Every structure is written in C-alpha cells, then in structure tokens.
Amino acid sequence: MTIHYKADEMNELSVLFKWRGTIMPMVLGRPVIWLLIALHCGLLYVHRRREDIELPKLPWPVVSVPQALLTFFVVFFSGSCYSRYYALYGKCTGLAGALMCWLGLLRVFFNDASPEQLWNLSRHAIASVYIHYFTLAGGASSGGKLIDETEWSVVMARRMLSAEERRVVHSYEGFKPFLLQEWALQAVNEYLASDAKRSTGAGIAPFMEQALAMRKNCAETVSLLAQPVPFPYFHVINFMLSVNLVLVAYSLTFIDSIMTVPLFFIVCLVLH
C-alpha cells in the first residue's frame, strides 16, 4: 500500500516516531531479528563474564569481505525490486486510464443516452477491473484462485453484474477480466447497431482500443506477479545476509562494550 507523505512537512523527530508504512512492524515481528540479538548478547556474556572460555578473535577486516559481497547483491536486488514496483504501478495506472477513456467515449459518442443506458454500457468494463483486483488478492481470495462472498457482495451491491452474469463469471475457467471486457464490447456493439442517437464518428474501434488496453494491463499485471525475482538469487541474498549478521554479531563482541547491543540491533533492523 502506498503511503502518501510530504517531505517538507516532516522533520527528523516526526520521521523517527513514524510507525505506519515503515519497516518497524515488518521487521520487529520477525523472530529471526530477536534470535540474532540473543546470539550477540550470549556471545557478549561469554566474552565478558566467562573467563574459562576464550573465544577466538575475528578481526573486522575479515568481516568486511563478505559484507562487500552482500552490498553488491543488495544493490542489484533492490534495483530489480524497484523496477518491478514501478512497472506494476504503470500497469495499474494504465488500467485505470483505459477505463476512464472508455467512460469518456460513452459520454462523447452517446451523449443523448439515458443514465441507465450509459450504466449498462459501462458496468461490464468497471466490473472487469474489480474482478481483476479481487483475483489478485493473496489473503481473502485464496491466493487469487477464488473470489469470496465479501468481494462478490461489492460487485453485486453496485449492480455491476446480474445474478446470471455472476454465475457465468464464477464458473468461467479462463481469464475473467477479459470475459467481462468482451461483454462490454458486445454491449457497445449492440447499442451501435440499434436506432439510438449517437454523435458523428461513433464506432466500435475506439472502444476496442480501450478494451484491448485494459486486457493488456490486466494480463501484464498478472504476469509480473507470477514472475518474481528468480529464487536462486533470492536464496543467495538471504544466505549472505544471514552469514553477515552472524559474523557481525560475533565480531562486535570483541569491542568489549555493552553499547554493541543497540548498535547491532540497528544493523539488524536496517538490513532485515
């Protein structure tokens, strides 16, 4: 979810105590960060209190070697994540833009149509966007395989589909948004074939262009989400991260200061 903010209205303190939309709830809820802190505290205790146990020293230059490798992986991984994010954002805004153009064309070409007629010419296109996003949901919609009753109630309450149309969409095994976009084109085509008044130049071609744009953005959104960063790359960066944090936890022990605990906590918080 996008968090809207204005940088010029925030200062160091307001940013520091911000919680919603930050890394804090995501990271602090993970057990691994507390295990790493416990590991460092345990090593610190052994080093400072247990004179009968001598830990072999780990010089900081040794730790810096895997850190440099981790930095390389993190930079490229972050760049790939942001590229995917902006690509996905572009598809979502493109879908909204195509739907807006569809509705605008209805007003331009069929200006004399009644509100009920305009709604019937637009409801399938609008429903295709709702259904598209509902099938992308990872929680309530069983990972996008099903649309639950709460989501269907949103569609039905706004009269986007009839009960029969809902049954057909629900049982359809193909790409549901495209089915609804086809219905939208059929509705416009039938209206054009009738004796209803229309503006000069009205035709199916402009609507087909927007329907294909909606289909393209819907399909590419699904494809982007279905193709994450390759798992071997994701695995190696997590492996390097874990190794580095364990090495840092061990190496900081020999600074022989209790202040290494909050320092290591900040390192874990940022890197995780």
Protein backbone atom coordinates (compact mmCIF):
# COMPACT_ATOMS: atom_id res chain seq x y z
CA MET A 1 0.00 0.00 0.00
CA THR A 2 1.34 3.42 -0.96
CA ILE A 3 1.93 5.81 1.94
CA HIS A 4 1.44 9.41 0.88
CA TYR A 5 3.63 11.98 2.60
CA LYS A 6 5.15 15.41 2.07
CA ALA A 7 8.85 15.55 2.85
CA ASP A 8 8.82 19.30 3.52
CA GLU A 9 6.21 18.82 6.27
CA MET A 10 8.29 16.26 8.18
CA ASN A 11 11.35 16.65 10.38
CA GLU A 12 13.82 14.26 11.97
CA LEU A 13 11.65 13.62 15.03
CA SER A 14 8.37 13.09 13.20
CA VAL A 15 10.07 10.64 10.85
CA LEU A 16 11.77 8.84 13.74
CA PHE A 17 8.50 8.17 15.57
CA LYS A 18 6.53 7.17 12.49
CA TRP A 19 5.18 3.61 12.59
CA ARG A 20 2.61 3.06 9.82
CA GLY A 21 4.21 2.24 6.49
CA THR A 22 7.73 1.87 7.93
CA ILE A 23 9.98 -1.16 8.25
CA MET A 24 9.31 -1.36 12.00
CA PRO A 25 6.16 -3.55 12.08
CA MET A 26 7.52 -5.80 9.34
CA VAL A 27 10.95 -6.37 10.86
CA LEU A 28 10.19 -6.34 14.59
CA GLY A 29 7.55 -9.01 14.10
CA ARG A 30 10.10 -11.46 12.71
CA PRO A 31 11.61 -13.89 15.25
CA VAL A 32 14.97 -14.00 13.45
CA ILE A 33 15.95 -10.46 14.48
CA TRP A 34 15.44 -11.32 18.15
CA LEU A 35 17.39 -14.56 17.73
CA LEU A 36 20.31 -12.57 16.32
CA ILE A 37 20.17 -10.10 19.21
CA ALA A 38 20.07 -13.02 21.66
CA LEU A 39 23.08 -14.55 19.91
CA HIS A 40 25.08 -11.35 20.26
CA CYS A 41 24.08 -10.92 23.92
CA GLY A 42 25.07 -14.52 24.60
CA LEU A 43 28.46 -14.07 22.95
CA LEU A 44 28.97 -10.82 24.83
CA TYR A 45 28.17 -12.53 28.11
CA VAL A 46 30.62 -15.36 27.43
CA HIS A 47 33.36 -12.92 26.42
CA ARG A 48 32.91 -10.61 29.43
CA ARG A 49 31.87 -13.00 32.21
CA ARG A 50 33.25 -16.42 31.41
CA GLU A 51 36.99 -16.26 31.87
CA ASP A 52 37.24 -20.02 31.44
CA ILE A 53 36.02 -19.73 27.84
CA GLU A 54 38.21 -17.91 25.35
CA LEU A 55 36.57 -17.03 22.08
CA PRO A 56 38.86 -16.82 19.05
CA LYS A 57 39.01 -13.24 17.77
CA LEU A 58 37.52 -12.33 14.45
CA PRO A 59 39.18 -9.19 13.01
CA TRP A 60 36.88 -6.65 11.42
CA PRO A 61 38.75 -6.73 8.03
CA VAL A 62 37.74 -10.38 7.72
CA VAL A 63 34.08 -9.47 8.20
CA SER A 64 34.31 -6.73 5.58
CA VAL A 65 34.97 -9.26 2.79
CA PRO A 66 31.50 -10.92 2.83
CA GLN A 67 29.98 -7.50 3.58
CA ALA A 68 31.28 -6.17 0.29
CA LEU A 69 29.75 -9.16 -1.49
CA LEU A 70 26.45 -8.61 0.31
CA THR A 71 26.44 -4.93 -0.70
CA PHE A 72 26.81 -5.97 -4.35
CA PHE A 73 23.85 -8.35 -4.14
CA VAL A 74 21.66 -5.93 -2.17
CA VAL A 75 22.17 -3.07 -4.63
CA PHE A 76 21.14 -5.15 -7.62
CA PHE A 77 18.31 -6.87 -5.75
CA SER A 78 16.89 -3.51 -4.61
CA GLY A 79 17.17 -2.13 -8.14
CA SER A 80 15.29 -5.13 -9.51
CA CYS A 81 12.56 -4.78 -6.86
CA TYR A 82 12.04 -1.09 -7.60
CA SER A 83 11.97 -1.74 -11.35
CA ARG A 84 9.23 -4.32 -10.83
CA TYR A 85 7.36 -1.97 -8.50
CA TYR A 86 7.33 0.89 -11.00
CA ALA A 87 6.39 -1.48 -13.83
CA LEU A 88 3.47 -2.81 -11.78
CA TYR A 89 2.43 0.73 -10.85
CA GLY A 90 2.46 1.68 -14.54
CA LYS A 91 0.18 -1.23 -15.41
CA CYS A 92 -2.28 -0.35 -12.64
CA THR A 93 -2.47 3.31 -13.64
CA GLY A 94 -2.70 2.27 -17.31
CA LEU A 95 -5.69 0.09 -16.47
CA ALA A 96 -7.40 2.96 -14.66
CA GLY A 97 -6.64 5.28 -17.57
CA ALA A 98 -8.10 2.91 -20.17
CA LEU A 99 -11.28 2.55 -18.12
CA MET A 100 -11.53 6.33 -17.79
CA CYS A 101 -11.18 6.68 -21.56
CA TRP A 102 -13.92 4.07 -22.06
CA LEU A 103 -16.31 6.07 -19.88
CA GLY A 104 -15.33 9.30 -21.61
CA LEU A 105 -16.04 7.81 -25.04
CA LEU A 106 -19.52 6.83 -23.88
CA ARG A 107 -20.25 10.43 -22.93
CA VAL A 108 -18.83 11.79 -26.19
CA PHE A 109 -20.49 9.36 -28.61
CA PHE A 110 -23.74 8.62 -26.75
CA ASN A 111 -24.49 11.94 -25.09
CA ASP A 112 -28.24 11.52 -25.52
CA ALA A 113 -28.32 8.13 -23.83
CA SER A 114 -30.13 7.85 -20.52
CA PRO A 115 -28.16 7.29 -17.28
CA GLU A 116 -29.41 3.69 -17.21
CA GLN A 117 -28.22 3.06 -20.77
CA LEU A 118 -24.82 4.60 -20.04
CA TRP A 119 -24.51 2.43 -16.94
CA ASN A 120 -25.32 -0.73 -18.92
CA LEU A 121 -22.63 0.24 -21.44
CA SER A 122 -20.03 0.77 -18.74
CA ARG A 123 -20.78 -1.71 -15.94
CA HIS A 124 -19.01 -4.70 -17.50
CA ALA A 125 -15.84 -2.71 -18.07
CA ILE A 126 -15.91 -1.44 -14.48
CA ALA A 127 -16.63 -4.95 -13.18
CA SER A 128 -13.62 -6.29 -15.09
CA VAL A 129 -11.32 -4.00 -13.06
CA TYR A 130 -12.93 -5.01 -9.76
CA ILE A 131 -12.74 -8.71 -10.61
CA HIS A 132 -9.15 -8.31 -11.75
CA TYR A 133 -8.01 -6.86 -8.43
CA PHE A 134 -10.13 -9.27 -6.39
CA THR A 135 -8.47 -12.25 -8.09
CA LEU A 136 -5.05 -10.79 -7.29
CA ALA A 137 -5.73 -10.70 -3.53
CA GLY A 138 -3.48 -13.05 -1.62
CA GLY A 139 -5.48 -13.49 1.58
CA ALA A 140 -9.25 -13.42 1.38
CA SER A 141 -9.27 -14.69 -2.19
CA SER A 142 -7.21 -17.82 -1.53
CA GLY A 143 -4.20 -16.52 -3.39
CA GLY A 144 -6.25 -15.28 -6.33
CA LYS A 145 -7.88 -18.64 -7.08
CA LEU A 146 -11.29 -17.66 -5.73
CA ILE A 147 -13.39 -14.57 -5.19
CA ASP A 148 -15.03 -14.71 -1.77
CA GLU A 149 -18.55 -13.66 -0.84
CA THR A 150 -17.45 -10.32 0.58
CA GLU A 151 -15.89 -9.37 -2.75
CA TRP A 152 -18.88 -10.61 -4.72
CA SER A 153 -21.15 -8.54 -2.48
CA VAL A 154 -19.24 -5.39 -3.53
CA VAL A 155 -19.84 -6.18 -7.19
CA MET A 156 -23.48 -7.10 -6.73
CA ALA A 157 -24.32 -4.16 -4.44
CA ARG A 158 -23.16 -1.76 -7.16
CA ARG A 159 -25.24 -3.57 -9.81
CA MET A 160 -22.19 -4.28 -11.96
CA LEU A 161 -23.43 -7.78 -12.76
CA SER A 162 -26.73 -9.62 -12.74
CA ALA A 163 -27.14 -12.86 -10.82
CA GLU A 164 -26.84 -14.87 -14.04
CA GLU A 165 -23.75 -12.95 -15.13
CA ARG A 166 -22.17 -13.59 -11.75
CA ARG A 167 -22.82 -17.31 -12.14
CA VAL A 168 -21.18 -17.35 -15.57
CA VAL A 169 -18.15 -15.37 -14.39
CA HIS A 170 -17.78 -17.52 -11.30
CA SER A 171 -17.78 -20.75 -13.30
CA TYR A 172 -15.61 -19.38 -16.13
CA GLU A 173 -12.20 -21.05 -16.08
CA GLY A 174 -10.45 -18.59 -18.37
CA PHE A 175 -9.26 -15.03 -17.74
CA LYS A 176 -12.29 -13.48 -16.03
CA PRO A 177 -11.48 -9.79 -16.68
CA PHE A 178 -11.20 -10.44 -20.43
CA LEU A 179 -14.61 -12.15 -20.46
CA LEU A 180 -16.17 -9.03 -18.92
CA GLN A 181 -14.33 -6.76 -21.36
CA GLU A 182 -15.76 -8.82 -24.22
CA TRP A 183 -19.24 -8.36 -22.77
CA ALA A 184 -18.61 -4.63 -22.58
CA LEU A 185 -17.66 -4.55 -26.27
CA GLN A 186 -20.74 -6.60 -27.17
CA ALA A 187 -22.97 -4.15 -25.29
CA VAL A 188 -21.49 -1.18 -27.16
CA ASN A 189 -21.73 -3.02 -30.48
CA GLU A 190 -25.41 -3.81 -29.89
CA TYR A 191 -26.09 -0.19 -28.98
CA LEU A 192 -24.36 0.96 -32.19
CA ALA A 193 -26.49 -1.48 -34.20
CA SER A 194 -29.70 -0.06 -32.72
CA ASP A 195 -31.52 3.09 -33.77
CA ALA A 196 -30.31 5.03 -30.74
CA LYS A 197 -28.92 8.51 -31.32
CA ARG A 198 -25.16 8.92 -31.40
CA SER A 199 -22.58 11.52 -32.29
CA THR A 200 -20.92 11.69 -35.69
CA GLY A 201 -17.98 9.31 -35.92
CA ALA A 202 -19.22 6.89 -33.28
CA GLY A 203 -17.89 3.38 -33.88
CA ILE A 204 -16.63 0.26 -32.20
CA ALA A 205 -12.93 0.89 -32.98
CA PRO A 206 -12.22 3.42 -30.17
CA PHE A 207 -13.89 1.15 -27.63
CA MET A 208 -12.00 -1.87 -28.90
CA GLU A 209 -8.74 0.04 -28.47
CA GLN A 210 -9.53 0.76 -24.81
CA ALA A 211 -10.78 -2.78 -24.17
CA LEU A 212 -7.53 -4.20 -25.54
CA ALA A 213 -5.57 -1.73 -23.41
CA MET A 214 -7.44 -2.92 -20.33
CA ARG A 215 -6.85 -6.56 -21.27
CA LYS A 216 -3.14 -5.86 -21.85
CA ASN A 217 -2.66 -4.15 -18.49
CA CYS A 218 -4.62 -6.84 -16.63
CA ALA A 219 -2.63 -9.65 -18.24
CA GLU A 220 0.74 -7.96 -17.71
CA THR A 221 -0.09 -7.29 -14.05
CA VAL A 222 -0.78 -10.99 -13.54
CA SER A 223 2.39 -11.92 -15.44
CA LEU A 224 4.55 -9.57 -13.35
CA LEU A 225 3.23 -11.02 -10.11
CA ALA A 226 3.64 -14.57 -11.42
CA GLN A 227 7.32 -13.97 -12.22
CA PRO A 228 9.10 -12.85 -9.03
CA VAL A 229 12.84 -12.34 -8.69
CA PRO A 230 14.47 -15.72 -9.50
CA PHE A 231 14.53 -17.93 -6.42
CA PRO A 232 18.27 -18.79 -6.59
CA TYR A 233 19.04 -15.05 -6.45
CA PHE A 234 16.57 -14.55 -3.59
CA HIS A 235 18.08 -17.54 -1.77
CA VAL A 236 21.70 -16.42 -2.12
CA ILE A 237 20.99 -12.88 -0.90
CA ASN A 238 19.19 -14.22 2.18
CA PHE A 239 22.05 -16.66 2.79
CA MET A 240 24.62 -13.86 2.50
CA LEU A 241 22.54 -11.65 4.80
CA SER A 242 22.31 -14.33 7.50
CA VAL A 243 26.03 -15.12 7.31
CA ASN A 244 26.97 -11.45 7.51
CA LEU A 245 24.77 -10.73 10.51
CA VAL A 246 26.15 -13.74 12.41
CA LEU A 247 29.71 -12.61 11.63
CA VAL A 248 28.93 -9.05 12.73
CA ALA A 249 27.32 -10.34 15.94
CA TYR A 250 30.49 -12.31 16.68
CA SER A 251 32.99 -9.62 15.66
CA LEU A 252 31.28 -6.85 17.68
CA THR A 253 31.73 -8.98 20.80
CA PHE A 254 35.44 -8.11 20.95
CA ILE A 255 34.79 -4.38 21.17
CA ASP A 256 34.00 -5.31 24.76
CA SER A 257 31.21 -2.80 25.27
CA ILE A 258 27.56 -3.19 26.15
CA MET A 259 26.78 -0.47 23.60
CA THR A 260 27.33 -3.00 20.82
CA VAL A 261 23.85 -4.39 21.62
CA PRO A 262 21.86 -1.32 20.43
CA LEU A 263 24.37 -0.89 17.60
CA PHE A 264 23.81 -4.45 16.40
CA PHE A 265 20.05 -4.01 16.80
CA ILE A 266 20.15 -1.06 14.39
CA VAL A 267 22.24 -3.08 11.92
CA CYS A 268 19.71 -5.93 12.04
CA LEU A 269 16.78 -3.54 11.75
CA VAL A 270 18.14 -1.86 8.61
CA LEU A 271 19.43 -4.97 6.83
CA HIS A 272 16.34 -7.07 7.51
